[in-house]
PDB file of N, CA and C in Angstrom:
ATOM      1  N   MET A   1      90.445   8.149  11.016  1.00  0.00           N
ATOM      2  CA  MET A   1      89.611   8.798  12.001  1.00  0.00           C
ATOM      3  C   MET A   1      88.149   8.692  11.569  1.00  0.00           C
ATOM      4  N   ALA A   2      87.283   8.733  12.584  1.00  0.00           N
ATOM      5  CA  ALA A   2      85.859   8.605  12.288  1.00  0.00           C
ATOM      6  C   ALA A   2      85.056   9.389  13.312  1.00  0.00           C
ATOM      7  N   ILE A   3      83.802   9.627  12.978  1.00  0.00           N
ATOM      8  CA  ILE A   3      82.847  10.190  13.920  1.00  0.00           C
ATOM      9  C   ILE A   3      81.949   9.036  14.343  1.00  0.00           C
ATOM     10  N   ARG A   4      81.915   8.764  15.633  1.00  0.00           N
ATOM     11  CA  ARG A   4      81.073   7.697  16.179  1.00  0.00           C
ATOM     12  C   ARG A   4      79.861   8.331  16.833  1.00  0.00           C
ATOM     13  N   TYR A   5      78.703   7.772  16.585  1.00  0.00           N
ATOM     14  CA  TYR A   5      77.468   8.228  17.218  1.00  0.00           C
ATOM     15  C   TYR A   5      77.024   7.158  18.195  1.00  0.00           C
ATOM     16  N   HIS A   6      76.949   7.528  19.491  1.00  0.00           N
ATOM     17  CA  HIS A   6      76.535   6.607  20.545  1.00  0.00           C
ATOM     18  C   HIS A   6      75.328   7.174  21.261  1.00  0.00           C
ATOM     19  N   CYS A   7      74.397   6.283  21.619  1.00  0.00           N
ATOM     20  CA  CYS A   7      73.238   6.710  22.393  1.00  0.00           C
ATOM     21  C   CYS A   7      73.709   7.096  23.791  1.00  0.00           C
ATOM     22  N   ARG A   8      73.323   8.255  24.247  1.00  0.00           N
ATOM     23  CA  ARG A   8      73.764   8.733  25.565  1.00  0.00           C
ATOM     24  C   ARG A   8      73.040   8.037  26.695  1.00  0.00           C
ATOM     25  N   HIS A   9      72.002   7.259  26.397  1.00  0.00           N
ATOM     26  CA  HIS A   9      71.260   6.559  27.436  1.00  0.00           C
ATOM     27  C   HIS A   9      71.662   5.095  27.538  1.00  0.00           C
ATOM     28  N   CYS A  10      71.647   4.372  26.418  1.00  0.00           N
ATOM     29  CA  CYS A  10      71.920   2.931  26.460  1.00  0.00           C
ATOM     30  C   CYS A  10      73.310   2.560  25.943  1.00  0.00           C
ATOM     31  N   GLU A  11      74.086   3.548  25.467  1.00  0.00           N
ATOM     32  CA  GLU A  11      75.462   3.361  24.971  1.00  0.00           C
ATOM     33  C   GLU A  11      75.556   2.513  23.701  1.00  0.00           C
ATOM     34  N   THR A  12      74.444   2.304  23.014  1.00  0.00           N
ATOM     35  CA  THR A  12      74.456   1.583  21.744  1.00  0.00           C
ATOM     36  C   THR A  12      75.114   2.446  20.675  1.00  0.00           C
ATOM     37  N   GLU A  13      75.948   1.832  19.831  1.00  0.00           N
ATOM     38  CA  GLU A  13      76.521   2.584  18.718  1.00  0.00           C
ATOM     39  C   GLU A  13      75.449   2.743  17.650  1.00  0.00           C
ATOM     40  N   VAL A  14      75.107   3.983  17.360  1.00  0.00           N
ATOM     41  CA  VAL A  14      74.057   4.299  16.399  1.00  0.00           C
ATOM     42  C   VAL A  14      74.625   4.321  14.984  1.00  0.00           C
ATOM     43  N   GLY A  15      75.863   4.788  14.834  1.00  0.00           N
ATOM     44  CA  GLY A  15      76.478   4.844  13.522  1.00  0.00           C
ATOM     45  C   GLY A  15      77.903   5.324  13.580  1.00  0.00           C
ATOM     46  N   ARG A  16      78.562   5.293  12.417  1.00  0.00           N
ATOM     47  CA  ARG A  16      79.962   5.707  12.311  1.00  0.00           C
ATOM     48  C   ARG A  16      80.172   6.284  10.916  1.00  0.00           C
ATOM     49  N   LEU A  17      80.820   7.447  10.864  1.00  0.00           N
ATOM     50  CA  LEU A  17      81.120   8.096   9.595  1.00  0.00           C
ATOM     51  C   LEU A  17      82.611   8.393   9.519  1.00  0.00           C
ATOM     52  N   PRO A  18      83.234   8.165   8.372  1.00  0.00           N
ATOM     53  CA  PRO A  18      84.653   8.518   8.233  1.00  0.00           C
ATOM     54  C   PRO A  18      84.800  10.031   8.068  1.00  0.00           C
ATOM     55  N   PHE A  19      85.926  10.571   8.549  1.00  0.00           N
ATOM     56  CA  PHE A  19      86.248  11.976   8.343  1.00  0.00           C
ATOM     57  C   PHE A  19      86.741  12.154   6.927  1.00  0.00           C
ATOM     58  N   GLY A  20      86.352  13.250   6.304  1.00  0.00           N
ATOM     59  CA  GLY A  20      86.836  13.547   4.964  1.00  0.00           C
ATOM     60  C   GLY A  20      88.042  14.458   4.994  1.00  0.00           C
ATOM     61  N   SER A  21      88.093  15.363   6.005  1.00  0.00           N
ATOM     62  CA  SER A  21      89.201  16.313   6.045  1.00  0.00           C
ATOM     63  C   SER A  21      89.377  16.852   7.457  1.00  0.00           C
ATOM     64  N   ALA A  22      90.491  17.520   7.673  1.00  0.00           N
ATOM     65  CA  ALA A  22      90.745  18.143   8.971  1.00  0.00           C
ATOM     66  C   ALA A  22      89.769  19.284   9.218  1.00  0.00           C
ATOM     67  N   GLY A  23      89.243  19.885   8.158  1.00  0.00           N
ATOM     68  CA  GLY A  23      88.263  20.961   8.301  1.00  0.00           C
ATOM     69  C   GLY A  23      86.987  20.488   8.967  1.00  0.00           C
ATOM     70  N   GLU A  24      86.617  19.221   8.740  1.00  0.00           N
ATOM     71  CA  GLU A  24      85.436  18.674   9.396  1.00  0.00           C
ATOM     72  C   GLU A  24      85.654  18.569  10.903  1.00  0.00           C
ATOM     73  N   VAL A  25      86.863  18.221  11.319  1.00  0.00           N
ATOM     74  CA  VAL A  25      87.176  18.155  12.744  1.00  0.00           C
ATOM     75  C   VAL A  25      87.059  19.545  13.354  1.00  0.00           C
ATOM     76  N   GLN A  26      87.573  20.555  12.687  1.00  0.00           N
ATOM     77  CA  GLN A  26      87.489  21.926  13.186  1.00  0.00           C
ATOM     78  C   GLN A  26      86.043  22.384  13.270  1.00  0.00           C
ATOM     79  N   ALA A  27      85.218  21.985  12.311  1.00  0.00           N
ATOM     80  CA  ALA A  27      83.799  22.348  12.335  1.00  0.00           C
ATOM     81  C   ALA A  27      83.110  21.731  13.540  1.00  0.00           C
ATOM     82  N   LEU A  28      83.456  20.494  13.872  1.00  0.00           N
ATOM     83  CA  LEU A  28      82.874  19.859  15.055  1.00  0.00           C
ATOM     84  C   LEU A  28      83.330  20.551  16.329  1.00  0.00           C
ATOM     85  N   HIS A  29      84.576  20.983  16.366  1.00  0.00           N
ATOM     86  CA  HIS A  29      85.075  21.688  17.549  1.00  0.00           C
ATOM     87  C   HIS A  29      84.344  23.017  17.736  1.00  0.00           C
ATOM     88  N   ARG A  30      84.025  23.680  16.630  1.00  0.00           N
ATOM     89  CA  ARG A  30      83.247  24.920  16.742  1.00  0.00           C
ATOM     90  C   ARG A  30      81.862  24.637  17.287  1.00  0.00           C
ATOM     91  N   LEU A  31      81.269  23.528  16.878  1.00  0.00           N
ATOM     92  CA  LEU A  31      79.970  23.137  17.430  1.00  0.00           C
ATOM     93  C   LEU A  31      80.084  22.827  18.920  1.00  0.00           C
ATOM     94  N   ALA A  32      81.221  22.259  19.299  1.00  0.00           N
ATOM     95  CA  ALA A  32      81.404  21.852  20.692  1.00  0.00           C
ATOM     96  C   ALA A  32      81.591  23.048  21.624  1.00  0.00           C
ATOM     97  N   ASP A  33      81.848  24.224  21.085  1.00  0.00           N
ATOM     98  CA  ASP A  33      81.967  25.420  21.918  1.00  0.00           C
ATOM     99  C   ASP A  33      80.572  25.864  22.330  1.00  0.00           C
ATOM    100  N   GLY A  34      80.219  25.607  23.564  1.00  0.00           N
ATOM    101  CA  GLY A  34      78.890  25.979  24.040  1.00  0.00           C
ATOM    102  C   GLY A  34      78.141  24.766  24.550  1.00  0.00           C
ATOM    103  N   GLU A  35      76.847  24.718  24.263  1.00  0.00           N
ATOM    104  CA  GLU A  35      76.010  23.643  24.776  1.00  0.00           C
ATOM    105  C   GLU A  35      76.386  22.274  24.228  1.00  0.00           C
ATOM    106  N   ALA A  36      76.865  22.204  23.017  1.00  0.00           N
ATOM    107  CA  ALA A  36      77.168  20.916  22.395  1.00  0.00           C
ATOM    108  C   ALA A  36      78.396  20.241  22.998  1.00  0.00           C
ATOM    109  N   GLU A  37      79.183  20.960  23.795  1.00  0.00           N
ATOM    110  CA  GLU A  37      80.403  20.356  24.348  1.00  0.00           C
ATOM    111  C   GLU A  37      80.100  19.157  25.238  1.00  0.00           C
ATOM    112  N   ASP A  38      78.885  19.051  25.771  1.00  0.00           N
ATOM    113  CA  ASP A  38      78.498  17.891  26.575  1.00  0.00           C
ATOM    114  C   ASP A  38      78.239  16.668  25.703  1.00  0.00           C
ATOM    115  N   PHE A  39      78.057  16.875  24.409  1.00  0.00           N
ATOM    116  CA  PHE A  39      77.682  15.792  23.518  1.00  0.00           C
ATOM    117  C   PHE A  39      78.768  15.391  22.536  1.00  0.00           C
ATOM    118  N   ILE A  40      79.804  16.196  22.380  1.00  0.00           N
ATOM    119  CA  ILE A  40      80.862  15.914  21.418  1.00  0.00           C
ATOM    120  C   ILE A  40      82.194  15.822  22.158  1.00  0.00           C
ATOM    121  N   THR A  41      82.869  14.681  22.026  1.00  0.00           N
ATOM    122  CA  THR A  41      84.176  14.502  22.653  1.00  0.00           C
ATOM    123  C   THR A  41      85.147  13.914  21.629  1.00  0.00           C
ATOM    124  N   GLU A  42      86.421  14.199  21.828  1.00  0.00           N
ATOM    125  CA  GLU A  42      87.456  13.654  20.957  1.00  0.00           C
ATOM    126  C   GLU A  42      88.384  12.794  21.778  1.00  0.00           C
ATOM    127  N   GLY A  43      88.594  11.561  21.323  1.00  0.00           N
ATOM    128  CA  GLY A  43      89.477  10.634  22.012  1.00  0.00           C
ATOM    129  C   GLY A  43      90.925  10.901  21.682  1.00  0.00           C
ATOM    130  N   GLU A  44      91.811  10.229  22.403  1.00  0.00           N
ATOM    131  CA  GLU A  44      93.252  10.386  22.178  1.00  0.00           C
ATOM    132  C   GLU A  44      93.661   9.936  20.779  1.00  0.00           C
ATOM    133  N   ASP A  45      92.899   9.012  20.214  1.00  0.00           N
ATOM    134  CA  ASP A  45      93.216   8.506  18.880  1.00  0.00           C
ATOM    135  C   ASP A  45      92.675   9.400  17.769  1.00  0.00           C
ATOM    136  N   GLY A  46      92.049  10.524  18.131  1.00  0.00           N
ATOM    137  CA  GLY A  46      91.508  11.457  17.153  1.00  0.00           C
ATOM    138  C   GLY A  46      90.085  11.163  16.734  1.00  0.00           C
ATOM    139  N   GLU A  47      89.525  10.075  17.243  1.00  0.00           N
ATOM    140  CA  GLU A  47      88.161   9.716  16.899  1.00  0.00           C
ATOM    141  C   GLU A  47      87.186  10.577  17.701  1.00  0.00           C
ATOM    142  N   VAL A  48      86.175  11.107  17.038  1.00  0.00           N
ATOM    143  CA  VAL A  48      85.199  11.988  17.667  1.00  0.00           C
ATOM    144  C   VAL A  48      83.952  11.170  17.994  1.00  0.00           C
ATOM    145  N   THR A  49      83.426  11.338  19.211  1.00  0.00           N
ATOM    146  CA  THR A  49      82.196  10.665  19.618  1.00  0.00           C
ATOM    147  C   THR A  49      81.117  11.700  19.846  1.00  0.00           C
ATOM    148  N   VAL A  50      79.978  11.483  19.197  1.00  0.00           N
ATOM    149  CA  VAL A  50      78.813  12.347  19.377  1.00  0.00           C
ATOM    150  C   VAL A  50      77.787  11.532  20.152  1.00  0.00           C
ATOM    151  N   ARG A  51      77.415  12.052  21.323  1.00  0.00           N
ATOM    152  CA  ARG A  51      76.408  11.368  22.147  1.00  0.00           C
ATOM    153  C   ARG A  51      75.036  11.876  21.731  1.00  0.00           C
ATOM    154  N   CYS A  52      74.223  10.962  21.206  1.00  0.00           N
ATOM    155  CA  CYS A  52      72.899  11.307  20.690  1.00  0.00           C
ATOM    156  C   CYS A  52      71.873  10.407  21.371  1.00  0.00           C
ATOM    157  N   ILE A  53      70.761  10.164  20.739  1.00  0.00           N
ATOM    158  CA  ILE A  53      69.746   9.273  21.294  1.00  0.00           C
ATOM    159  C   ILE A  53      69.287   8.321  20.192  1.00  0.00           C
ATOM    160  N   CYS A  54      69.180   7.046  20.528  1.00  0.00           N
ATOM    161  CA  CYS A  54      68.749   6.048  19.546  1.00  0.00           C
ATOM    162  C   CYS A  54      67.224   6.033  19.463  1.00  0.00           C
ATOM    163  N   GLU A  55      66.702   5.383  18.438  1.00  0.00           N
ATOM    164  CA  GLU A  55      65.260   5.347  18.226  1.00  0.00           C
ATOM    165  C   GLU A  55      64.530   4.680  19.387  1.00  0.00           C
ATOM    166  N   HIS A  56      65.112   3.604  19.928  1.00  0.00           N
ATOM    167  CA  HIS A  56      64.473   2.882  21.026  1.00  0.00           C
ATOM    168  C   HIS A  56      64.327   3.779  22.261  1.00  0.00           C
ATOM    169  N   CYS A  57      65.389   4.471  22.615  1.00  0.00           N
ATOM    170  CA  CYS A  57      65.341   5.349  23.790  1.00  0.00           C
ATOM    171  C   CYS A  57      64.420   6.542  23.539  1.00  0.00           C
ATOM    172  N   GLN A  58      64.397   7.053  22.315  1.00  0.00           N
ATOM    173  CA  GLN A  58      63.500   8.157  21.983  1.00  0.00           C
ATOM    174  C   GLN A  58      62.040   7.731  22.155  1.00  0.00           C
ATOM    175  N   GLU A  59      61.712   6.520  21.704  1.00  0.00           N
ATOM    176  CA  GLU A  59      60.352   6.012  21.877  1.00  0.00           C
ATOM    177  C   GLU A  59      60.011   5.853  23.356  1.00  0.00           C
ATOM    178  N   SER A  60      60.952   5.340  24.140  1.00  0.00           N
ATOM    179  CA  SER A  60      60.716   5.168  25.578  1.00  0.00           C
ATOM    180  C   SER A  60      60.468   6.508  26.265  1.00  0.00           C
ATOM    181  N   LEU A  61      61.266   7.511  25.894  1.00  0.00           N
ATOM    182  CA  LEU A  61      61.068   8.837  26.477  1.00  0.00           C
ATOM    183  C   LEU A  61      59.732   9.443  26.044  1.00  0.00           C
ATOM    184  N   GLY A  62      59.281   9.111  24.848  1.00  0.00           N
ATOM    185  CA  GLY A  62      57.981   9.578  24.391  1.00  0.00           C
ATOM    186  C   GLY A  62      56.836   8.959  25.176  1.00  0.00           C
ATOM    187  N   GLN A  63      57.006   7.689  25.528  1.00  0.00           N
ATOM    188  CA  GLN A  63      55.974   6.987  26.289  1.00  0.00           C
ATOM    189  C   GLN A  63      56.018   7.322  27.772  1.00  0.00           C
ATOM    190  N   PHE A  64      57.200   7.608  28.286  1.00  0.00           N
ATOM    191  CA  PHE A  64      57.383   7.881  29.713  1.00  0.00           C
ATOM    192  C   PHE A  64      58.161   9.187  29.884  1.00  0.00           C
ATOM    193  N   PRO A  65      57.520  10.328  29.683  1.00  0.00           N
ATOM    194  CA  PRO A  65      58.221  11.620  29.729  1.00  0.00           C
ATOM    195  C   PRO A  65      58.828  11.945  31.099  1.00  0.00           C
ATOM    196  N   ASP A  66      58.407  11.261  32.153  1.00  0.00           N
ATOM    197  CA  ASP A  66      59.004  11.476  33.475  1.00  0.00           C
ATOM    198  C   ASP A  66      60.479  11.071  33.505  1.00  0.00           C
ATOM    199  N   TYR A  67      60.889  10.230  32.558  1.00  0.00           N
ATOM    200  CA  TYR A  67      62.285   9.795  32.494  1.00  0.00           C
ATOM    201  C   TYR A  67      63.238  10.955  32.240  1.00  0.00           C
ATOM    202  N   TYR A  68      62.750  12.032  31.610  1.00  0.00           N
ATOM    203  CA  TYR A  68      63.600  13.196  31.346  1.00  0.00           C
ATOM    204  C   TYR A  68      64.178  13.774  32.633  1.00  0.00           C
ATOM    205  N   ALA A  69      63.476  13.605  33.745  1.00  0.00           N
ATOM    206  CA  ALA A  69      63.930  14.151  35.024  1.00  0.00           C
ATOM    207  C   ALA A  69      65.051  13.320  35.639  1.00  0.00           C
ATOM    208  N   LEU A  70      65.268  12.108  35.162  1.00  0.00           N
ATOM    209  CA  LEU A  70      66.284  11.215  35.720  1.00  0.00           C
ATOM    210  C   LEU A  70      67.604  11.366  34.993  1.00  0.00           C
ATOM    211  N   GLN A  71      68.680  11.345  35.741  1.00  0.00           N
ATOM    212  CA  GLN A  71      70.022  11.438  35.148  1.00  0.00           C
ATOM    213  C   GLN A  71      70.340  10.176  34.346  1.00  0.00           C
ATOM    214  N   LYS A  72      70.070   9.029  34.922  1.00  0.00           N
ATOM    215  CA  LYS A  72      70.348   7.734  34.266  1.00  0.00           C
ATOM    216  C   LYS A  72      69.117   6.849  34.479  1.00  0.00           C
ATOM    217  N   TRP A  73      68.335   6.630  33.452  1.00  0.00           N
ATOM    218  CA  TRP A  73      67.105   5.882  33.631  1.00  0.00           C
ATOM    219  C   TRP A  73      67.185   4.438  33.145  1.00  0.00           C
ATOM    220  N   LEU A  74      68.251   4.054  32.485  1.00  0.00           N
ATOM    221  CA  LEU A  74      68.454   2.663  32.119  1.00  0.00           C
ATOM    222  C   LEU A  74      69.438   2.035  33.083  1.00  0.00           C
ATOM    223  N   GLN A  75      69.093   0.912  33.626  1.00  0.00           N
ATOM    224  CA  GLN A  75      69.948   0.235  34.599  1.00  0.00           C
ATOM    225  C   GLN A  75      70.687  -0.913  33.939  1.00  0.00           C
TER     226      GLN A  75
END
């Protein structure tokens, strides 16, 4: 099992970390209770995906802050 980090805008894989223990999975589930539940999902295979933002998209949002108002700004 692993934790995958994907950019929520361009879907680029930012990184991947192996799980060390089942306690780490439970800790992520506790984080997912609340606002983080939109960003943390667990697949059927037990792999956890964290939707974050990559450096490229962060720079674009910094240059064009109006993009924050759009649901999907990359075509």
